[in-house]
Amino acid sequence: MAHYYVNTNAQPTGEHEVHTEGCSHPPLPNHRRPLGYFTDCKDAVREAKKHYANVDGCAYCCPSCHTR
């Protein structure tokens, strides 16, 4: 299981990106909202959508959940 968090700052296109701990392109530490441990990014994205309507996976650490 991996630890996931969501960027509290939206991307220029409006989505909040979900990242794993250790991502090569993370947001600043003060812009991370912890989501918890999940077996895959789909569950982490589902959790992030409880906080933000527009959510996407990071293209680098969550490519199977990256849609934009």
PDB file of N, CA and C in Angstrom:
ATOM      1  N   MET A   1       0.846  -1.190   0.000  1.00  0.00           N
ATOM      2  CA  MET A   1       0.000   0.000   0.000  1.00  0.00           C
ATOM      3  C   MET A   1       0.881   1.240   0.000  1.00  0.00           C
ATOM      4  N   ALA A   2       0.417   2.238  -0.686  1.00  0.00           N
ATOM      5  CA  ALA A   2       1.158   3.495  -0.775  1.00  0.00           C
ATOM      6  C   ALA A   2       0.407   4.595  -0.020  1.00  0.00           C
ATOM      7  N   HIS A   3       1.164   5.567   0.456  1.00  0.00           N
ATOM      8  CA  HIS A   3       0.576   6.731   1.111  1.00  0.00           C
ATOM      9  C   HIS A   3       0.313   7.792   0.050  1.00  0.00           C
ATOM     10  N   TYR A   4      -0.905   8.304   0.029  1.00  0.00           N
ATOM     11  CA  TYR A   4      -1.319   9.294  -0.971  1.00  0.00           C
ATOM     12  C   TYR A   4      -1.662  10.615  -0.310  1.00  0.00           C
ATOM     13  N   TYR A   5      -1.526  11.680  -1.080  1.00  0.00           N
ATOM     14  CA  TYR A   5      -1.972  13.006  -0.663  1.00  0.00           C
ATOM     15  C   TYR A   5      -2.449  13.758  -1.895  1.00  0.00           C
ATOM     16  N   VAL A   6      -3.203  14.828  -1.659  1.00  0.00           N
ATOM     17  CA  VAL A   6      -3.715  15.645  -2.749  1.00  0.00           C
ATOM     18  C   VAL A   6      -3.146  17.054  -2.616  1.00  0.00           C
ATOM     19  N   ASN A   7      -2.841  17.650  -3.740  1.00  0.00           N
ATOM     20  CA  ASN A   7      -2.342  19.023  -3.782  1.00  0.00           C
ATOM     21  C   ASN A   7      -3.498  19.966  -3.467  1.00  0.00           C
ATOM     22  N   THR A   8      -3.325  20.805  -2.459  1.00  0.00           N
ATOM     23  CA  THR A   8      -4.389  21.739  -2.082  1.00  0.00           C
ATOM     24  C   THR A   8      -4.498  22.905  -3.064  1.00  0.00           C
ATOM     25  N   ASN A   9      -3.466  23.118  -3.865  1.00  0.00           N
ATOM     26  CA  ASN A   9      -3.509  24.142  -4.915  1.00  0.00           C
ATOM     27  C   ASN A   9      -3.923  23.483  -6.218  1.00  0.00           C
ATOM     28  N   ALA A  10      -4.914  24.033  -6.850  1.00  0.00           N
ATOM     29  CA  ALA A  10      -5.359  23.496  -8.136  1.00  0.00           C
ATOM     30  C   ALA A  10      -4.339  23.813  -9.231  1.00  0.00           C
ATOM     31  N   GLN A  11      -4.263  22.938 -10.203  1.00  0.00           N
ATOM     32  CA  GLN A  11      -3.437  23.156 -11.384  1.00  0.00           C
ATOM     33  C   GLN A  11      -4.059  24.300 -12.203  1.00  0.00           C
ATOM     34  N   PRO A  12      -3.328  24.888 -13.141  1.00  0.00           N
ATOM     35  CA  PRO A  12      -3.893  25.958 -13.971  1.00  0.00           C
ATOM     36  C   PRO A  12      -5.168  25.522 -14.703  1.00  0.00           C
ATOM     37  N   THR A  13      -5.305  24.229 -14.944  1.00  0.00           N
ATOM     38  CA  THR A  13      -6.493  23.708 -15.623  1.00  0.00           C
ATOM     39  C   THR A  13      -7.624  23.373 -14.650  1.00  0.00           C
ATOM     40  N   GLY A  14      -7.404  23.607 -13.352  1.00  0.00           N
ATOM     41  CA  GLY A  14      -8.474  23.498 -12.360  1.00  0.00           C
ATOM     42  C   GLY A  14      -8.510  22.265 -11.487  1.00  0.00           C
ATOM     43  N   GLU A  15      -7.736  21.224 -11.812  1.00  0.00           N
ATOM     44  CA  GLU A  15      -7.820  20.007 -11.003  1.00  0.00           C
ATOM     45  C   GLU A  15      -6.781  19.988  -9.872  1.00  0.00           C
ATOM     46  N   HIS A  16      -7.153  19.268  -8.825  1.00  0.00           N
ATOM     47  CA  HIS A  16      -6.256  19.012  -7.702  1.00  0.00           C
ATOM     48  C   HIS A  16      -5.648  17.638  -7.944  1.00  0.00           C
ATOM     49  N   GLU A  17      -4.322  17.562  -7.979  1.00  0.00           N
ATOM     50  CA  GLU A  17      -3.663  16.307  -8.317  1.00  0.00           C
ATOM     51  C   GLU A  17      -3.383  15.451  -7.088  1.00  0.00           C
ATOM     52  N   VAL A  18      -3.600  14.142  -7.265  1.00  0.00           N
ATOM     53  CA  VAL A  18      -3.284  13.150  -6.244  1.00  0.00           C
ATOM     54  C   VAL A  18      -1.877  12.626  -6.518  1.00  0.00           C
ATOM     55  N   HIS A  19      -1.067  12.515  -5.450  1.00  0.00           N
ATOM     56  CA  HIS A  19       0.317  12.054  -5.542  1.00  0.00           C
ATOM     57  C   HIS A  19       0.569  10.952  -4.521  1.00  0.00           C
ATOM     58  N   THR A  20       1.605  10.157  -4.786  1.00  0.00           N
ATOM     59  CA  THR A  20       2.084   9.203  -3.794  1.00  0.00           C
ATOM     60  C   THR A  20       3.276   9.804  -3.070  1.00  0.00           C
ATOM     61  N   GLU A  21       3.521   9.319  -1.865  1.00  0.00           N
ATOM     62  CA  GLU A  21       4.718   9.706  -1.135  1.00  0.00           C
ATOM     63  C   GLU A  21       5.916   9.274  -1.977  1.00  0.00           C
ATOM     64  N   GLY A  22       6.868  10.159  -2.171  1.00  0.00           N
ATOM     65  CA  GLY A  22       8.039   9.850  -2.968  1.00  0.00           C
ATOM     66  C   GLY A  22       7.916  10.219  -4.439  1.00  0.00           C
ATOM     67  N   CYS A  23       6.845  10.902  -4.812  1.00  0.00           N
ATOM     68  CA  CYS A  23       6.651  11.331  -6.194  1.00  0.00           C
ATOM     69  C   CYS A  23       7.816  12.219  -6.640  1.00  0.00           C
ATOM     70  N   SER A  24       8.199  12.090  -7.894  1.00  0.00           N
ATOM     71  CA  SER A  24       9.294  12.900  -8.425  1.00  0.00           C
ATOM     72  C   SER A  24       8.880  14.339  -8.744  1.00  0.00           C
ATOM     73  N   HIS A  25       7.568  14.623  -8.729  1.00  0.00           N
ATOM     74  CA  HIS A  25       7.053  15.974  -9.009  1.00  0.00           C
ATOM     75  C   HIS A  25       6.014  16.370  -7.952  1.00  0.00           C
ATOM     76  N   PRO A  26       6.415  16.417  -6.686  1.00  0.00           N
ATOM     77  CA  PRO A  26       5.440  16.703  -5.626  1.00  0.00           C
ATOM     78  C   PRO A  26       5.152  18.191  -5.461  1.00  0.00           C
ATOM     79  N   PRO A  27       4.004  18.503  -4.884  1.00  0.00           N
ATOM     80  CA  PRO A  27       3.761  19.891  -4.487  1.00  0.00           C
ATOM     81  C   PRO A  27       4.577  20.198  -3.225  1.00  0.00           C
ATOM     82  N   LEU A  28       4.663  21.449  -2.896  1.00  0.00           N
ATOM     83  CA  LEU A  28       5.353  21.843  -1.663  1.00  0.00           C
ATOM     84  C   LEU A  28       4.681  21.178  -0.453  1.00  0.00           C
ATOM     85  N   PRO A  29       5.447  20.867   0.582  1.00  0.00           N
ATOM     86  CA  PRO A  29       4.869  20.193   1.749  1.00  0.00           C
ATOM     87  C   PRO A  29       3.661  20.912   2.363  1.00  0.00           C
ATOM     88  N   ASN A  30       3.655  22.235   2.340  1.00  0.00           N
ATOM     89  CA  ASN A  30       2.526  22.965   2.925  1.00  0.00           C
ATOM     90  C   ASN A  30       1.312  23.017   1.997  1.00  0.00           C
ATOM     91  N   HIS A  31       1.388  22.350   0.846  1.00  0.00           N
ATOM     92  CA  HIS A  31       0.270  22.284  -0.098  1.00  0.00           C
ATOM     93  C   HIS A  31      -0.225  20.843  -0.263  1.00  0.00           C
ATOM     94  N   ARG A  32       0.067  20.016   0.738  1.00  0.00           N
ATOM     95  CA  ARG A  32      -0.332  18.603   0.680  1.00  0.00           C
ATOM     96  C   ARG A  32      -1.397  18.306   1.730  1.00  0.00           C
ATOM     97  N   ARG A  33      -2.459  17.683   1.299  1.00  0.00           N
ATOM     98  CA  ARG A  33      -3.497  17.221   2.222  1.00  0.00           C
ATOM     99  C   ARG A  33      -3.426  15.689   2.241  1.00  0.00           C
ATOM    100  N   PRO A  34      -3.055  15.086   3.362  1.00  0.00           N
ATOM    101  CA  PRO A  34      -2.944  13.630   3.416  1.00  0.00           C
ATOM    102  C   PRO A  34      -4.282  12.950   3.155  1.00  0.00           C
ATOM    103  N   LEU A  35      -4.239  11.872   2.396  1.00  0.00           N
ATOM    104  CA  LEU A  35      -5.442  11.097   2.096  1.00  0.00           C
ATOM    105  C   LEU A  35      -5.439   9.745   2.805  1.00  0.00           C
ATOM    106  N   GLY A  36      -4.258   9.199   3.044  1.00  0.00           N
ATOM    107  CA  GLY A  36      -4.136   7.906   3.701  1.00  0.00           C
ATOM    108  C   GLY A  36      -3.439   6.897   2.821  1.00  0.00           C
ATOM    109  N   TYR A  37      -3.497   5.631   3.252  1.00  0.00           N
ATOM    110  CA  TYR A  37      -2.865   4.524   2.537  1.00  0.00           C
ATOM    111  C   TYR A  37      -3.913   3.781   1.721  1.00  0.00           C
ATOM    112  N   PHE A  38      -3.585   3.532   0.460  1.00  0.00           N
ATOM    113  CA  PHE A  38      -4.508   2.842  -0.452  1.00  0.00           C
ATOM    114  C   PHE A  38      -3.727   1.856  -1.303  1.00  0.00           C
ATOM    115  N   THR A  39      -4.425   0.848  -1.806  1.00  0.00           N
ATOM    116  CA  THR A  39      -3.788  -0.147  -2.663  1.00  0.00           C
ATOM    117  C   THR A  39      -3.598   0.360  -4.088  1.00  0.00           C
ATOM    118  N   ASP A  40      -4.379   1.362  -4.494  1.00  0.00           N
ATOM    119  CA  ASP A  40      -4.207   1.930  -5.826  1.00  0.00           C
ATOM    120  C   ASP A  40      -4.690   3.376  -5.855  1.00  0.00           C
ATOM    121  N   CYS A  41      -4.353   4.069  -6.947  1.00  0.00           N
ATOM    122  CA  CYS A  41      -4.679   5.492  -7.047  1.00  0.00           C
ATOM    123  C   CYS A  41      -6.178   5.736  -7.202  1.00  0.00           C
ATOM    124  N   LYS A  42      -6.911   4.779  -7.721  1.00  0.00           N
ATOM    125  CA  LYS A  42      -8.360   4.979  -7.898  1.00  0.00           C
ATOM    126  C   LYS A  42      -9.047   5.230  -6.567  1.00  0.00           C
ATOM    127  N   ASP A  43      -8.663   4.476  -5.548  1.00  0.00           N
ATOM    128  CA  ASP A  43      -9.247   4.690  -4.223  1.00  0.00           C
ATOM    129  C   ASP A  43      -8.799   6.025  -3.634  1.00  0.00           C
ATOM    130  N   ALA A  44      -7.557   6.407  -3.895  1.00  0.00           N
ATOM    131  CA  ALA A  44      -7.053   7.691  -3.407  1.00  0.00           C
ATOM    132  C   ALA A  44      -7.773   8.859  -4.088  1.00  0.00           C
ATOM    133  N   VAL A  45      -8.023   8.746  -5.383  1.00  0.00           N
ATOM    134  CA  VAL A  45      -8.759   9.784  -6.112  1.00  0.00           C
ATOM    135  C   VAL A  45     -10.187   9.880  -5.568  1.00  0.00           C
ATOM    136  N   ARG A  46     -10.793   8.747  -5.312  1.00  0.00           N
ATOM    137  CA  ARG A  46     -12.158   8.735  -4.745  1.00  0.00           C
ATOM    138  C   ARG A  46     -12.182   9.468  -3.398  1.00  0.00           C
ATOM    139  N   GLU A  47     -11.161   9.231  -2.576  1.00  0.00           N
ATOM    140  CA  GLU A  47     -11.069   9.917  -1.281  1.00  0.00           C
ATOM    141  C   GLU A  47     -10.862  11.417  -1.483  1.00  0.00           C
ATOM    142  N   ALA A  48     -10.013  11.802  -2.419  1.00  0.00           N
ATOM    143  CA  ALA A  48      -9.750  13.224  -2.679  1.00  0.00           C
ATOM    144  C   ALA A  48     -11.007  13.948  -3.150  1.00  0.00           C
ATOM    145  N   LYS A  49     -11.885  13.238  -3.849  1.00  0.00           N
ATOM    146  CA  LYS A  49     -13.120  13.854  -4.346  1.00  0.00           C
ATOM    147  C   LYS A  49     -14.098  14.177  -3.224  1.00  0.00           C
ATOM    148  N   LYS A  50     -13.831  13.699  -2.021  1.00  0.00           N
ATOM    149  CA  LYS A  50     -14.624  14.101  -0.850  1.00  0.00           C
ATOM    150  C   LYS A  50     -14.279  15.531  -0.443  1.00  0.00           C
ATOM    151  N   HIS A  51     -13.125  16.011  -0.902  1.00  0.00           N
ATOM    152  CA  HIS A  51     -12.645  17.346  -0.534  1.00  0.00           C
ATOM    153  C   HIS A  51     -12.674  18.329  -1.703  1.00  0.00           C
ATOM    154  N   TYR A  52     -12.483  17.817  -2.921  1.00  0.00           N
ATOM    155  CA  TYR A  52     -12.432  18.669  -4.113  1.00  0.00           C
ATOM    156  C   TYR A  52     -13.237  18.016  -5.231  1.00  0.00           C
ATOM    157  N   ALA A  53     -13.976  18.804  -5.970  1.00  0.00           N
ATOM    158  CA  ALA A  53     -14.806  18.261  -7.055  1.00  0.00           C
ATOM    159  C   ALA A  53     -13.974  17.847  -8.263  1.00  0.00           C
ATOM    160  N   ASN A  54     -12.931  18.586  -8.561  1.00  0.00           N
ATOM    161  CA  ASN A  54     -12.126  18.348  -9.749  1.00  0.00           C
ATOM    162  C   ASN A  54     -10.781  17.747  -9.320  1.00  0.00           C
ATOM    163  N   VAL A  55     -10.613  16.433  -9.506  1.00  0.00           N
ATOM    164  CA  VAL A  55      -9.429  15.716  -9.048  1.00  0.00           C
ATOM    165  C   VAL A  55      -8.865  14.872 -10.191  1.00  0.00           C
ATOM    166  N   ASP A  56      -7.547  14.772 -10.231  1.00  0.00           N
ATOM    167  CA  ASP A  56      -6.859  13.990 -11.257  1.00  0.00           C
ATOM    168  C   ASP A  56      -5.633  13.360 -10.611  1.00  0.00           C
ATOM    169  N   GLY A  57      -5.152  12.270 -11.160  1.00  0.00           N
ATOM    170  CA  GLY A  57      -3.919  11.656 -10.694  1.00  0.00           C
ATOM    171  C   GLY A  57      -2.715  12.312 -11.344  1.00  0.00           C
ATOM    172  N   CYS A  58      -1.620  12.333 -10.638  1.00  0.00           N
ATOM    173  CA  CYS A  58      -0.363  12.872 -11.167  1.00  0.00           C
ATOM    174  C   CYS A  58       0.106  12.011 -12.335  1.00  0.00           C
ATOM    175  N   ALA A  59       0.560  12.647 -13.392  1.00  0.00           N
ATOM    176  CA  ALA A  59       1.038  11.923 -14.578  1.00  0.00           C
ATOM    177  C   ALA A  59       2.294  11.104 -14.282  1.00  0.00           C
ATOM    178  N   TYR A  60       3.052  11.476 -13.248  1.00  0.00           N
ATOM    179  CA  TYR A  60       4.314  10.809 -12.949  1.00  0.00           C
ATOM    180  C   TYR A  60       4.158   9.650 -11.966  1.00  0.00           C
ATOM    181  N   CYS A  61       3.412   9.844 -10.901  1.00  0.00           N
ATOM    182  CA  CYS A  61       3.311   8.793  -9.886  1.00  0.00           C
ATOM    183  C   CYS A  61       1.977   8.053  -9.908  1.00  0.00           C
ATOM    184  N   CYS A  62       0.983   8.584 -10.584  1.00  0.00           N
ATOM    185  CA  CYS A  62      -0.349   7.951 -10.686  1.00  0.00           C
ATOM    186  C   CYS A  62      -0.837   7.962 -12.133  1.00  0.00           C
ATOM    187  N   PRO A  63      -0.033   7.466 -13.072  1.00  0.00           N
ATOM    188  CA  PRO A  63      -0.388   7.594 -14.487  1.00  0.00           C
ATOM    189  C   PRO A  63      -1.696   6.908 -14.857  1.00  0.00           C
ATOM    190  N   SER A  64      -2.070   5.848 -14.170  1.00  0.00           N
ATOM    191  CA  SER A  64      -3.334   5.178 -14.514  1.00  0.00           C
ATOM    192  C   SER A  64      -4.552   5.980 -14.080  1.00  0.00           C
ATOM    193  N   CYS A  65      -4.349   7.001 -13.250  1.00  0.00           N
ATOM    194  CA  CYS A  65      -5.443   7.869 -12.813  1.00  0.00           C
ATOM    195  C   CYS A  65      -5.334   9.265 -13.417  1.00  0.00           C
ATOM    196  N   HIS A  66      -4.342   9.467 -14.256  1.00  0.00           N
ATOM    197  CA  HIS A  66      -4.149  10.772 -14.897  1.00  0.00           C
ATOM    198  C   HIS A  66      -5.034  10.833 -16.157  1.00  0.00           C
ATOM    199  N   THR A  67      -5.933  11.784 -16.179  1.00  0.00           N
ATOM    200  CA  THR A  67      -6.895  11.862 -17.290  1.00  0.00           C
ATOM    201  C   THR A  67      -6.774  13.123 -18.118  1.00  0.00           C
ATOM    202  N   ARG A  68      -5.997  14.101 -17.700  1.00  0.00           N
ATOM    203  CA  ARG A  68      -5.938  15.375 -18.413  1.00  0.00           C
ATOM    204  C   ARG A  68      -4.646  15.529 -19.178  1.00  0.00           C
TER     205      ARG A  68
END
